Amino acid sequence: MFNPLATDFYDLTDKMLEEKYSELSRKYWMTQNPQVQMQMAIIIEQMRDELRTRNARAKVQQDQDQGKKGLDNLINIS
């Protein structure tokens, strides 16, 4: 699901997003209202997806950087 009102976390840093994710997860368990929990769950899922996407991009970038450096050391032209 998607909540169009919860798009501001795309501009957050990774650390700030993780903090907001933890805070909202904690508040999710504090509320007893099922409608509020449902809306919070949607936003939590969006945050989780954004964190996964950022981690995947960082992993791909890291692998590409290591691959470039690794190939330079393997090729020896004399």
Protein backbone atom coordinates (compact mmCIF):
# COMPACT_ATOMS: atom_id res chain seq x y z
CA MET A 1 0.00 0.00 0.00
CA PHE A 2 1.01 3.58 -0.39
CA ASN A 3 0.28 6.63 1.71
CA PRO A 4 0.74 9.77 -0.41
CA LEU A 5 1.03 11.95 2.68
CA ALA A 6 4.16 10.15 3.85
CA THR A 7 6.63 11.15 1.16
CA ASP A 8 8.82 13.45 3.22
CA PHE A 9 11.16 10.65 4.34
CA TYR A 10 12.70 10.41 0.87
CA ASP A 11 14.62 13.59 1.68
CA LEU A 12 15.92 12.28 5.02
CA THR A 13 19.39 10.93 5.61
CA ASP A 14 19.78 7.23 6.33
CA LYS A 15 20.29 7.79 10.04
CA MET A 16 17.29 10.13 10.35
CA LEU A 17 15.12 7.65 8.44
CA GLU A 18 16.18 4.80 10.72
CA GLU A 19 15.41 6.92 13.79
CA LYS A 20 11.94 7.84 12.48
CA TYR A 21 11.34 4.19 11.58
CA SER A 22 12.22 3.08 15.11
CA GLU A 23 10.12 5.83 16.67
CA LEU A 24 7.06 5.05 14.55
CA SER A 25 7.44 1.31 15.19
CA ARG A 26 7.53 1.97 18.93
CA LYS A 27 4.45 4.20 18.71
CA TYR A 28 2.65 1.57 16.62
CA TRP A 29 2.71 -0.82 19.58
CA MET A 30 1.62 1.93 22.00
CA THR A 31 -1.67 2.70 20.26
CA GLN A 32 -4.78 0.60 20.64
CA ASN A 33 -6.73 2.12 17.76
CA PRO A 34 -6.79 -0.35 14.82
CA GLN A 35 -7.39 2.36 12.20
CA VAL A 36 -4.39 4.34 13.42
CA GLN A 37 -2.30 1.17 13.52
CA MET A 38 -3.25 0.40 9.94
CA GLN A 39 -2.14 3.84 8.75
CA MET A 40 1.05 3.57 10.75
CA ALA A 41 1.73 0.12 9.31
CA ILE A 42 1.47 1.52 5.79
CA ILE A 43 3.98 4.26 6.57
CA ILE A 44 6.28 1.80 8.35
CA GLU A 45 6.22 -0.45 5.29
CA GLN A 46 7.08 2.52 3.04
CA MET A 47 9.99 3.39 5.31
CA ARG A 48 11.16 -0.22 5.35
CA ASP A 49 11.05 -0.32 1.54
CA GLU A 50 13.01 2.93 1.32
CA LEU A 51 15.64 1.56 3.73
CA ARG A 52 15.92 -1.65 1.69
CA THR A 53 16.27 0.33 -1.53
CA ARG A 54 18.98 2.54 -0.06
CA ASN A 55 20.87 -0.46 1.31
CA ALA A 56 20.65 -2.26 -2.04
CA ARG A 57 21.93 0.81 -3.91
CA ALA A 58 24.81 1.17 -1.46
CA LYS A 59 25.67 -2.52 -1.85
CA VAL A 60 25.64 -2.29 -5.65
CA GLN A 61 27.78 0.85 -5.55
CA GLN A 62 30.22 -0.80 -3.16
CA ASP A 63 30.46 -3.91 -5.36
CA GLN A 64 31.06 -1.76 -8.43
CA ASP A 65 33.75 0.24 -6.68
CA GLN A 66 35.49 -2.92 -5.48
CA GLY A 67 35.19 -4.49 -8.91
CA LYS A 68 36.85 -1.53 -10.60
CA LYS A 69 39.71 -1.46 -8.13
CA GLY A 70 40.13 -5.22 -8.24
CA LEU A 71 40.40 -5.39 -12.03
CA ASP A 72 43.06 -2.67 -12.10
CA ASN A 73 45.30 -4.83 -9.97
CA LEU A 74 44.76 -7.93 -12.10
CA ILE A 75 45.73 -6.41 -15.43
CA ASN A 76 49.45 -5.88 -15.81
CA ILE A 77 50.58 -4.33 -19.07
CA SER A 78 54.35 -4.23 -19.47
